[in-house]
Structure formats: C-alpha cells, structure tokens
PDB file of N, CA and C in Angstrom:
ATOM      1  N   MET A   1     129.498 103.990  97.088  1.00  0.00           N
ATOM      2  CA  MET A   1     129.015 102.816  96.626  1.00  0.00           C
ATOM      3  C   MET A   1     130.194 101.889  95.936  1.00  0.00           C
ATOM      4  N   VAL A   2     131.168 102.780  95.280  1.00  0.00           N
ATOM      5  CA  VAL A   2     132.235 102.143  94.614  1.00  0.00           C
ATOM      6  C   VAL A   2     133.202 101.398  95.528  1.00  0.00           C
ATOM      7  N   ARG A   3     133.371 102.004  96.734  1.00  0.00           N
ATOM      8  CA  ARG A   3     134.226 101.369  97.719  1.00  0.00           C
ATOM      9  C   ARG A   3     133.719  99.955  98.265  1.00  0.00           C
ATOM     10  N   GLN A   4     132.359  99.880  98.243  1.00  0.00           N
ATOM     11  CA  GLN A   4     131.774  98.589  98.756  1.00  0.00           C
ATOM     12  C   GLN A   4     131.502  97.617  97.551  1.00  0.00           C
ATOM     13  N   ARG A   5     132.068  97.889  96.375  1.00  0.00           N
ATOM     14  CA  ARG A   5     131.675  97.057  95.267  1.00  0.00           C
ATOM     15  C   ARG A   5     132.030  95.523  95.417  1.00  0.00           C
ATOM     16  N   HIS A   6     133.159  95.292  96.143  1.00  0.00           N
ATOM     17  CA  HIS A   6     133.538  93.882  96.259  1.00  0.00           C
ATOM     18  C   HIS A   6     133.149  93.310  97.655  1.00  0.00           C
ATOM     19  N   ASP A   7     132.464  94.069  98.338  1.00  0.00           N
ATOM     20  CA  ASP A   7     132.039  93.412  99.601  1.00  0.00           C
ATOM     21  C   ASP A   7     130.825  92.478  99.444  1.00  0.00           C
ATOM     22  N   PRO A   8     130.502  91.528 100.367  1.00  0.00           N
ATOM     23  CA  PRO A   8     129.390  90.669 100.134  1.00  0.00           C
ATOM     24  C   PRO A   8     128.186  91.465 100.041  1.00  0.00           C
ATOM     25  N   VAL A   9     127.193  90.816  99.296  1.00  0.00           N
ATOM     26  CA  VAL A   9     125.873  91.512  99.113  1.00  0.00           C
ATOM     27  C   VAL A   9     125.129  91.870 100.459  1.00  0.00           C
ATOM     28  N   PRO A  10     125.156  90.959 101.452  1.00  0.00           N
ATOM     29  CA  PRO A  10     124.526  91.343 102.781  1.00  0.00           C
ATOM     30  C   PRO A  10     125.190  92.596 103.408  1.00  0.00           C
ATOM     31  N   ALA A  11     126.495  92.607 103.175  1.00  0.00           N
ATOM     32  CA  ALA A  11     127.213  93.809 103.827  1.00  0.00           C
ATOM     33  C   ALA A  11     126.850  95.098 103.122  1.00  0.00           C
ATOM     34  N   GLN A  12     126.714  95.047 101.746  1.00  0.00           N
ATOM     35  CA  GLN A  12     126.369  96.204 101.027  1.00  0.00           C
ATOM     36  C   GLN A  12     124.971  96.588 101.381  1.00  0.00           C
ATOM     37  N   GLY A  13     124.005  95.602 101.386  1.00  0.00           N
ATOM     38  CA  GLY A  13     122.690  95.901 101.763  1.00  0.00           C
ATOM     39  C   GLY A  13     122.425  96.589 103.093  1.00  0.00           C
ATOM     40  N   LYS A  14     123.250  96.030 104.105  1.00  0.00           N
ATOM     41  CA  LYS A  14     123.131  96.618 105.401  1.00  0.00           C
ATOM     42  C   LYS A  14     123.626  98.105 105.341  1.00  0.00           C
ATOM     43  N   TRP A  15     124.689  98.323 104.706  1.00  0.00           N
ATOM     44  CA  TRP A  15     125.366  99.640 104.582  1.00  0.00           C
ATOM     45  C   TRP A  15     124.326 100.699 103.883  1.00  0.00           C
ATOM     46  N   LEU A  16     123.794 100.177 102.711  1.00  0.00           N
ATOM     47  CA  LEU A  16     122.848 100.942 102.019  1.00  0.00           C
ATOM     48  C   LEU A  16     121.540 101.328 102.822  1.00  0.00           C
ATOM     49  N   GLY A  17     121.058 100.316 103.557  1.00  0.00           N
ATOM     50  CA  GLY A  17     119.973 100.390 104.437  1.00  0.00           C
ATOM     51  C   GLY A  17     120.080 101.361 105.499  1.00  0.00           C
ATOM     52  N   GLN A  18     121.247 101.399 106.170  1.00  0.00           N
ATOM     53  CA  GLN A  18     121.597 102.271 107.164  1.00  0.00           C
ATOM     54  C   GLN A  18     121.624 103.721 106.656  1.00  0.00           C
ATOM     55  N   MET A  19     122.333 103.928 105.455  1.00  0.00           N
ATOM     56  CA  MET A  19     122.370 105.226 104.925  1.00  0.00           C
ATOM     57  C   MET A  19     120.947 105.749 104.478  1.00  0.00           C
ATOM     58  N   PHE A  20     120.241 104.944 103.975  1.00  0.00           N
ATOM     59  CA  PHE A  20     118.933 105.423 103.469  1.00  0.00           C
ATOM     60  C   PHE A  20     118.032 105.578 104.706  1.00  0.00           C
ATOM     61  N   ARG A  21     118.022 104.888 105.665  1.00  0.00           N
ATOM     62  CA  ARG A  21     117.177 105.155 106.928  1.00  0.00           C
ATOM     63  C   ARG A  21     117.606 106.437 107.548  1.00  0.00           C
ATOM     64  N   GLY A  22     118.896 106.745 107.540  1.00  0.00           N
ATOM     65  CA  GLY A  22     119.287 108.072 108.090  1.00  0.00           C
ATOM     66  C   GLY A  22     118.869 109.127 107.234  1.00  0.00           C
ATOM     67  N   TYR A  23     118.938 108.986 105.941  1.00  0.00           N
ATOM     68  CA  TYR A  23     118.291 110.063 105.062  1.00  0.00           C
ATOM     69  C   TYR A  23     116.894 110.256 105.239  1.00  0.00           C
ATOM     70  N   PHE A  24     116.234 109.165 105.342  1.00  0.00           N
ATOM     71  CA  PHE A  24     114.766 109.197 105.604  1.00  0.00           C
ATOM     72  C   PHE A  24     114.318 109.882 106.947  1.00  0.00           C
ATOM     73  N   ALA A  25     115.162 109.675 107.929  1.00  0.00           N
ATOM     74  CA  ALA A  25     114.875 110.176 109.241  1.00  0.00           C
ATOM     75  C   ALA A  25     114.867 111.669 109.131  1.00  0.00           C
ATOM     76  N   TYR A  26     115.500 112.278 108.335  1.00  0.00           N
ATOM     77  CA  TYR A  26     115.660 113.733 108.148  1.00  0.00           C
ATOM     78  C   TYR A  26     114.740 114.205 107.150  1.00  0.00           C
ATOM     79  N   HIS A  27     114.546 113.605 105.978  1.00  0.00           N
ATOM     80  CA  HIS A  27     113.747 114.208 104.958  1.00  0.00           C
ATOM     81  C   HIS A  27     112.364 113.699 104.682  1.00  0.00           C
ATOM     82  N   ALA A  28     111.936 112.778 105.495  1.00  0.00           N
ATOM     83  CA  ALA A  28     110.667 112.027 105.265  1.00  0.00           C
ATOM     84  C   ALA A  28     109.504 112.724 105.787  1.00  0.00           C
ATOM     85  N   VAL A  29     109.255 113.977 105.188  1.00  0.00           N
ATOM     86  CA  VAL A  29     108.001 114.747 105.540  1.00  0.00           C
ATOM     87  C   VAL A  29     106.994 114.412 104.580  1.00  0.00           C
ATOM     88  N   PRO A  30     105.662 114.640 104.722  1.00  0.00           N
ATOM     89  CA  PRO A  30     104.574 114.183 103.756  1.00  0.00           C
ATOM     90  C   PRO A  30     104.789 114.689 102.365  1.00  0.00           C
ATOM     91  N   THR A  31     105.245 115.836 102.051  1.00  0.00           N
ATOM     92  CA  THR A  31     105.385 116.309 100.835  1.00  0.00           C
ATOM     93  C   THR A  31     106.507 115.816  99.993  1.00  0.00           C
ATOM     94  N   ASN A  32     107.549 115.189 100.706  1.00  0.00           N
ATOM     95  CA  ASN A  32     108.744 114.603 100.056  1.00  0.00           C
ATOM     96  C   ASN A  32     108.686 113.047  99.746  1.00  0.00           C
ATOM     97  N   VAL A  33     107.627 112.418  99.999  1.00  0.00           N
ATOM     98  CA  VAL A  33     107.467 110.991  99.768  1.00  0.00           C
ATOM     99  C   VAL A  33     107.617 110.557  98.381  1.00  0.00           C
ATOM    100  N   PRO A  34     106.883 111.253  97.331  1.00  0.00           N
ATOM    101  CA  PRO A  34     107.216 110.882  95.964  1.00  0.00           C
ATOM    102  C   PRO A  34     108.729 111.050  95.520  1.00  0.00           C
ATOM    103  N   THR A  35     109.337 112.120  95.970  1.00  0.00           N
ATOM    104  CA  THR A  35     110.757 112.314  95.627  1.00  0.00           C
ATOM    105  C   THR A  35     111.634 111.223  96.263  1.00  0.00           C
ATOM    106  N   LEU A  36     111.359 110.919  97.539  1.00  0.00           N
ATOM    107  CA  LEU A  36     112.108 109.747  98.183  1.00  0.00           C
ATOM    108  C   LEU A  36     111.909 108.509  97.462  1.00  0.00           C
ATOM    109  N   GLY A  37     110.641 108.166  96.993  1.00  0.00           N
ATOM    110  CA  GLY A  37     110.494 107.125  96.185  1.00  0.00           C
ATOM    111  C   GLY A  37     111.311 106.857  94.994  1.00  0.00           C
ATOM    112  N   ARG A  38     111.257 108.162  94.315  1.00  0.00           N
ATOM    113  CA  ARG A  38     112.217 108.275  93.036  1.00  0.00           C
ATOM    114  C   ARG A  38     113.719 107.933  93.480  1.00  0.00           C
ATOM    115  N   LEU A  39     114.133 108.515  94.508  1.00  0.00           N
ATOM    116  CA  LEU A  39     115.511 108.336  95.105  1.00  0.00           C
ATOM    117  C   LEU A  39     115.764 106.968  95.314  1.00  0.00           C
ATOM    118  N   ARG A  40     114.831 106.276  95.889  1.00  0.00           N
ATOM    119  CA  ARG A  40     114.991 104.728  96.218  1.00  0.00           C
ATOM    120  C   ARG A  40     115.155 103.953  94.843  1.00  0.00           C
ATOM    121  N   THR A  41     114.286 104.246  93.882  1.00  0.00           N
ATOM    122  CA  THR A  41     114.360 103.576  92.531  1.00  0.00           C
ATOM    123  C   THR A  41     115.723 103.778  91.998  1.00  0.00           C
ATOM    124  N   GLU A  42     116.129 105.003  92.035  1.00  0.00           N
ATOM    125  CA  GLU A  42     117.470 105.326  91.323  1.00  0.00           C
ATOM    126  C   GLU A  42     118.675 104.606  92.197  1.00  0.00           C
ATOM    127  N   LEU A  43     118.491 104.594  93.436  1.00  0.00           N
ATOM    128  CA  LEU A  43     119.572 103.935  94.205  1.00  0.00           C
ATOM    129  C   LEU A  43     119.500 102.363  93.897  1.00  0.00           C
ATOM    130  N   ILE A  44     118.500 101.724  93.759  1.00  0.00           N
ATOM    131  CA  ILE A  44     118.228 100.399  93.314  1.00  0.00           C
ATOM    132  C   ILE A  44     118.919 100.123  91.917  1.00  0.00           C
ATOM    133  N   ARG A  45     118.687 101.107  90.961  1.00  0.00           N
ATOM    134  CA  ARG A  45     119.301 100.933  89.747  1.00  0.00           C
ATOM    135  C   ARG A  45     120.861 101.028  89.817  1.00  0.00           C
ATOM    136  N   LEU A  46     121.227 101.991  90.523  1.00  0.00           N
ATOM    137  CA  LEU A  46     122.767 102.122  90.730  1.00  0.00           C
ATOM    138  C   LEU A  46     123.427 100.793  91.369  1.00  0.00           C
ATOM    139  N   TRP A  47     122.663 100.372  92.396  1.00  0.00           N
ATOM    140  CA  TRP A  47     123.152  99.139  92.983  1.00  0.00           C
ATOM    141  C   TRP A  47     123.226  97.980  92.126  1.00  0.00           C
ATOM    142  N   HIS A  48     122.094  97.803  91.377  1.00  0.00           N
ATOM    143  CA  HIS A  48     122.076  96.747  90.329  1.00  0.00           C
ATOM    144  C   HIS A  48     123.213  96.801  89.379  1.00  0.00           C
ATOM    145  N   ARG A  49     123.493  98.037  88.873  1.00  0.00           N
ATOM    146  CA  ARG A  49     124.640  98.294  87.936  1.00  0.00           C
ATOM    147  C   ARG A  49     125.913  97.896  88.577  1.00  0.00           C
ATOM    148  N   GLN A  50     126.114  98.239  89.846  1.00  0.00           N
ATOM    149  CA  GLN A  50     127.339  97.900  90.552  1.00  0.00           C
ATOM    150  C   GLN A  50     127.586  96.458  90.633  1.00  0.00           C
ATOM    151  N   LEU A  51     126.542  95.715  90.997  1.00  0.00           N
ATOM    152  CA  LEU A  51     126.580  94.323  91.269  1.00  0.00           C
ATOM    153  C   LEU A  51     126.776  93.533  89.870  1.00  0.00           C
ATOM    154  N   ARG A  52     126.264  94.168  88.848  1.00  0.00           N
ATOM    155  CA  ARG A  52     126.436  93.529  87.513  1.00  0.00           C
ATOM    156  C   ARG A  52     127.793  93.662  87.047  1.00  0.00           C
ATOM    157  N   GLN A  53     128.512  94.728  87.433  1.00  0.00           N
ATOM    158  CA  GLN A  53     129.861  95.045  86.834  1.00  0.00           C
ATOM    159  C   GLN A  53     130.946  94.389  87.644  1.00  0.00           C
ATOM    160  N   ARG A  54     130.558  93.769  88.811  1.00  0.00           N
ATOM    161  CA  ARG A  54     131.612  93.249  89.701  1.00  0.00           C
ATOM    162  C   ARG A  54     131.997  91.790  89.260  1.00  0.00           C
ATOM    163  N   SER A  55     131.306  91.182  88.340  1.00  0.00           N
ATOM    164  CA  SER A  55     131.577  89.880  87.823  1.00  0.00           C
ATOM    165  C   SER A  55     131.455  89.699  86.275  1.00  0.00           C
ATOM    166  N   GLN A  56     132.212  88.780  85.658  1.00  0.00           N
ATOM    167  CA  GLN A  56     132.073  88.665  84.265  1.00  0.00           C
ATOM    168  C   GLN A  56     130.771  87.915  83.914  1.00  0.00           C
ATOM    169  N   ARG A  57     130.534  86.971  84.775  1.00  0.00           N
ATOM    170  CA  ARG A  57     129.184  86.191  84.531  1.00  0.00           C
ATOM    171  C   ARG A  57     128.158  86.663  85.363  1.00  0.00           C
ATOM    172  N   CYS A  58     127.321  87.423  84.815  1.00  0.00           N
ATOM    173  CA  CYS A  58     126.194  88.049  85.683  1.00  0.00           C
ATOM    174  C   CYS A  58     124.984  87.261  85.581  1.00  0.00           C
ATOM    175  N   CYS A  59     124.452  86.851  86.786  1.00  0.00           N
ATOM    176  CA  CYS A  59     123.278  86.176  86.813  1.00  0.00           C
ATOM    177  C   CYS A  59     122.313  86.891  87.707  1.00  0.00           C
ATOM    178  N   LEU A  60     122.367  88.140  87.790  1.00  0.00           N
ATOM    179  CA  LEU A  60     121.511  88.991  88.619  1.00  0.00           C
ATOM    180  C   LEU A  60     120.503  89.576  87.724  1.00  0.00           C
ATOM    181  N   ASN A  61     119.301  88.988  87.701  1.00  0.00           N
ATOM    182  CA  ASN A  61     118.190  89.651  87.025  1.00  0.00           C
ATOM    183  C   ASN A  61     117.367  90.515  87.962  1.00  0.00           C
ATOM    184  N   TRP A  62     116.392  91.192  87.394  1.00  0.00           N
ATOM    185  CA  TRP A  62     115.603  92.123  88.129  1.00  0.00           C
ATOM    186  C   TRP A  62     114.706  91.519  89.177  1.00  0.00           C
ATOM    187  N   ARG A  63     114.345  90.314  89.047  1.00  0.00           N
ATOM    188  CA  ARG A  63     113.502  89.568  90.102  1.00  0.00           C
ATOM    189  C   ARG A  63     114.306  89.415  91.334  1.00  0.00           C
ATOM    190  N   ARG A  64     115.605  89.008  91.191  1.00  0.00           N
ATOM    191  CA  ARG A  64     116.480  88.923  92.276  1.00  0.00           C
ATOM    192  C   ARG A  64     116.850  90.201  92.899  1.00  0.00           C
ATOM    193  N   MET A  65     117.029  91.217  92.083  1.00  0.00           N
ATOM    194  CA  MET A  65     117.261  92.491  92.542  1.00  0.00           C
ATOM    195  C   MET A  65     116.170  93.045  93.374  1.00  0.00           C
ATOM    196  N   ASN A  66     114.889  92.888  92.928  1.00  0.00           N
ATOM    197  CA  ASN A  66     113.731  93.394  93.644  1.00  0.00           C
ATOM    198  C   ASN A  66     113.737  92.675  95.129  1.00  0.00           C
ATOM    199  N   ARG A  67     114.036  91.428  95.107  1.00  0.00           N
ATOM    200  CA  ARG A  67     114.022  90.762  96.462  1.00  0.00           C
ATOM    201  C   ARG A  67     115.089  91.333  97.318  1.00  0.00           C
ATOM    202  N   LEU A  68     116.292  91.632  96.776  1.00  0.00           N
ATOM    203  CA  LEU A  68     117.353  92.303  97.593  1.00  0.00           C
ATOM    204  C   LEU A  68     116.805  93.682  98.167  1.00  0.00           C
ATOM    205  N   SER A  69     116.267  94.371  97.202  1.00  0.00           N
ATOM    206  CA  SER A  69     115.986  95.676  97.653  1.00  0.00           C
ATOM    207  C   SER A  69     114.765  95.796  98.680  1.00  0.00           C
ATOM    208  N   LEU A  70     113.903  94.753  98.533  1.00  0.00           N
ATOM    209  CA  LEU A  70     112.854  94.633  99.567  1.00  0.00           C
ATOM    210  C   LEU A  70     113.407  94.241 100.884  1.00  0.00           C
ATOM    211  N   ARG A  71     114.422  93.464 100.880  1.00  0.00           N
ATOM    212  CA  ARG A  71     115.011  92.997 102.062  1.00  0.00           C
ATOM    213  C   ARG A  71     115.759  94.107 102.766  1.00  0.00           C
ATOM    214  N   TRP A  72     116.574  94.809 102.083  1.00  0.00           N
ATOM    215  CA  TRP A  72     117.568  95.774 102.688  1.00  0.00           C
ATOM    216  C   TRP A  72     117.166  97.243 102.700  1.00  0.00           C
ATOM    217  N   LEU A  73     116.372  97.545 101.759  1.00  0.00           N
ATOM    218  CA  LEU A  73     115.978  99.173 101.663  1.00  0.00           C
ATOM    219  C   LEU A  73     114.491  99.337 101.996  1.00  0.00           C
ATOM    220  N   PRO A  74     114.306 100.200 103.060  1.00  0.00           N
ATOM    221  CA  PRO A  74     112.952 100.511 103.445  1.00  0.00           C
ATOM    222  C   PRO A  74     112.198 101.255 102.390  1.00  0.00           C
ATOM    223  N   PRO A  75     110.858 101.041 102.284  1.00  0.00           N
ATOM    224  CA  PRO A  75     110.029 101.703 101.369  1.00  0.00           C
ATOM    225  C   PRO A  75     109.878 103.172 101.799  1.00  0.00           C
ATOM    226  N   ALA A  76     109.570 104.132 100.679  1.00  0.00           N
ATOM    227  CA  ALA A  76     109.512 105.489 101.061  1.00  0.00           C
ATOM    228  C   ALA A  76     108.107 105.662 101.633  1.00  0.00           C
ATOM    229  N   ARG A  77     108.193 106.207 102.831  1.00  0.00           N
ATOM    230  CA  ARG A  77     106.965 106.611 103.560  1.00  0.00           C
ATOM    231  C   ARG A  77     107.247 107.821 104.503  1.00  0.00           C
ATOM    232  N   SER A  78     106.102 108.465 104.778  1.00  0.00           N
ATOM    233  CA  SER A  78     106.324 109.634 105.694  1.00  0.00           C
ATOM    234  C   SER A  78     106.572 109.258 107.073  1.00  0.00           C
ATOM    235  N   GLN A  79     107.609 109.817 107.587  1.00  0.00           N
ATOM    236  CA  GLN A  79     108.014 109.489 109.028  1.00  0.00           C
ATOM    237  C   GLN A  79     107.615 110.704 109.992  1.00  0.00           C
ATOM    238  N   HIS A  80     107.379 111.853 109.479  1.00  0.00           N
ATOM    239  CA  HIS A  80     107.174 112.995 110.323  1.00  0.00           C
ATOM    240  C   HIS A  80     105.762 113.515 109.772  1.00  0.00           C
ATOM    241  N   PRO A  81     104.814 113.673 110.865  1.00  0.00           N
ATOM    242  CA  PRO A  81     103.518 114.086 110.463  1.00  0.00           C
ATOM    243  C   PRO A  81     103.482 115.685 110.211  1.00  0.00           C
ATOM    244  N   TRP A  82     102.366 116.095 109.799  1.00  0.00           N
ATOM    245  CA  TRP A  82     102.208 117.547 109.595  1.00  0.00           C
ATOM    246  C   TRP A  82     102.388 118.282 110.801  1.00  0.00           C
ATOM    247  N   PRO A  83     102.850 119.593 110.810  1.00  0.00           N
ATOM    248  CA  PRO A  83     103.133 120.215 112.025  1.00  0.00           C
ATOM    249  C   PRO A  83     102.044 120.418 113.003  1.00  0.00           C
ATOM    250  N   GLU A  84     100.719 120.508 112.436  1.00  0.00           N
ATOM    251  CA  GLU A  84      99.507 120.544 113.387  1.00  0.00           C
ATOM    252  C   GLU A  84      99.507 119.405 114.234  1.00  0.00           C
ATOM    253  N   GLN A  85      99.550 118.236 113.491  1.00  0.00           N
ATOM    254  CA  GLN A  85      99.482 116.961 114.257  1.00  0.00           C
ATOM    255  C   GLN A  85     100.606 116.716 115.220  1.00  0.00           C
ATOM    256  N   ARG A  86     101.792 117.232 114.908  1.00  0.00           N
ATOM    257  CA  ARG A  86     102.970 117.021 115.720  1.00  0.00           C
ATOM    258  C   ARG A  86     102.831 117.826 116.943  1.00  0.00           C
ATOM    259  N   PHE A  87     102.434 119.058 116.789  1.00  0.00           N
ATOM    260  CA  PHE A  87     102.281 119.951 117.941  1.00  0.00           C
ATOM    261  C   PHE A  87     101.116 119.588 118.808  1.00  0.00           C
ATOM    262  N   ARG A  88     100.097 119.075 118.293  1.00  0.00           N
ATOM    263  CA  ARG A  88      98.872 118.613 119.064  1.00  0.00           C
ATOM    264  C   ARG A  88      99.382 117.383 119.919  1.00  0.00           C
ATOM    265  N   ALA A  89     100.150 116.606 119.288  1.00  0.00           N
ATOM    266  CA  ALA A  89     100.578 115.423 120.015  1.00  0.00           C
ATOM    267  C   ALA A  89     101.465 115.775 121.332  1.00  0.00           C
ATOM    268  N   LYS A  90     102.174 116.837 121.137  1.00  0.00           N
ATOM    269  CA  LYS A  90     103.074 117.269 122.285  1.00  0.00           C
ATOM    270  C   LYS A  90     102.208 118.005 123.297  1.00  0.00           C
ATOM    271  N   SER A  91     101.400 118.826 122.900  1.00  0.00           N
ATOM    272  CA  SER A  91     100.674 119.734 123.958  1.00  0.00           C
ATOM    273  C   SER A  91      99.285 119.211 124.342  1.00  0.00           C
ATOM    274  N   ARG A  92      98.737 118.174 123.631  1.00  0.00           N
ATOM    275  CA  ARG A  92      97.405 117.588 123.753  1.00  0.00           C
ATOM    276  C   ARG A  92      96.312 118.554 123.825  1.00  0.00           C
ATOM    277  N   GLY A  93      96.441 119.579 123.127  1.00  0.00           N
ATOM    278  CA  GLY A  93      95.287 120.642 122.979  1.00  0.00           C
ATOM    279  C   GLY A  93      95.267 121.546 124.169  1.00  0.00           C
ATOM    280  N   GLY A  94      96.063 121.573 125.163  1.00  0.00           N
ATOM    281  CA  GLY A  94      95.929 122.383 126.269  1.00  0.00           C
ATOM    282  C   GLY A  94      96.854 123.625 126.244  1.00  0.00           C
ATOM    283  N   SER A  95      97.539 123.828 125.206  1.00  0.00           N
ATOM    284  CA  SER A  95      98.449 124.869 125.124  1.00  0.00           C
ATOM    285  C   SER A  95      97.710 126.218 124.766  1.00  0.00           C
ATOM    286  N   PRO A  96      98.105 127.332 125.551  1.00  0.00           N
ATOM    287  CA  PRO A  96      97.439 128.672 125.203  1.00  0.00           C
ATOM    288  C   PRO A  96      97.928 129.143 123.949  1.00  0.00           C
ATOM    289  N   VAL A  97      98.937 128.737 123.261  1.00  0.00           N
ATOM    290  CA  VAL A  97      99.530 129.189 122.106  1.00  0.00           C
ATOM    291  C   VAL A  97      98.561 128.856 120.968  1.00  0.00           C
ATOM    292  N   GLN A  98      97.856 127.596 121.022  1.00  0.00           N
ATOM    293  CA  GLN A  98      96.988 127.223 119.885  1.00  0.00           C
ATOM    294  C   GLN A  98      95.720 128.071 120.092  1.00  0.00           C
TER     295      GLN A  98
END
C-alpha cells in the first residue's frame, strides 16, 4: 500500500479491490466471514490513514471514506458453500459414494 500512496484514488481502489477479491476467492468459506469482515474494516482504516498522510490539507472524512470503500471493496460474504452442498451440486445426489 505504501508504493501506491501517490497514485490516484481510483487506481488505488482498483488495486485494493483486485487484491481483496483474490483473497476472498480463496478464504471465503462460511466460517471465515466474520474474520474477513474484520480484515476489510482494518484495510479501510489503513487506506484512510494512507490517504490522510499523503497531503498536508486533509479533507477526507469518514463519510467520504465509506463511499470509497463501498465503491471499490467488496463486502465480506461467503463464496464457497458447505461441502455437503458443494458435493451435492456436482453429483446431483446420484453418486454411490453418498
């Protein structure tokens, strides 16, 4: 995040969104959703701090920061169902293993 400090805000948001979506694609199982929500909140705090430090006149309040985070960062939600649902979707209940 330090390297992108002086990039425009849309470029930073796009980069953070891509990074976060990739992390969610791997870790978004039903039991990890609260942890991913806390991670998203911490990431927003760090991004806010970086944006405030890059200028001497800071006019970035939390209302604007929330709008930026809603635009660029996806909400924490489960992307992978429980294994029983996932396997049932693949075999449609006709598997002799079940």
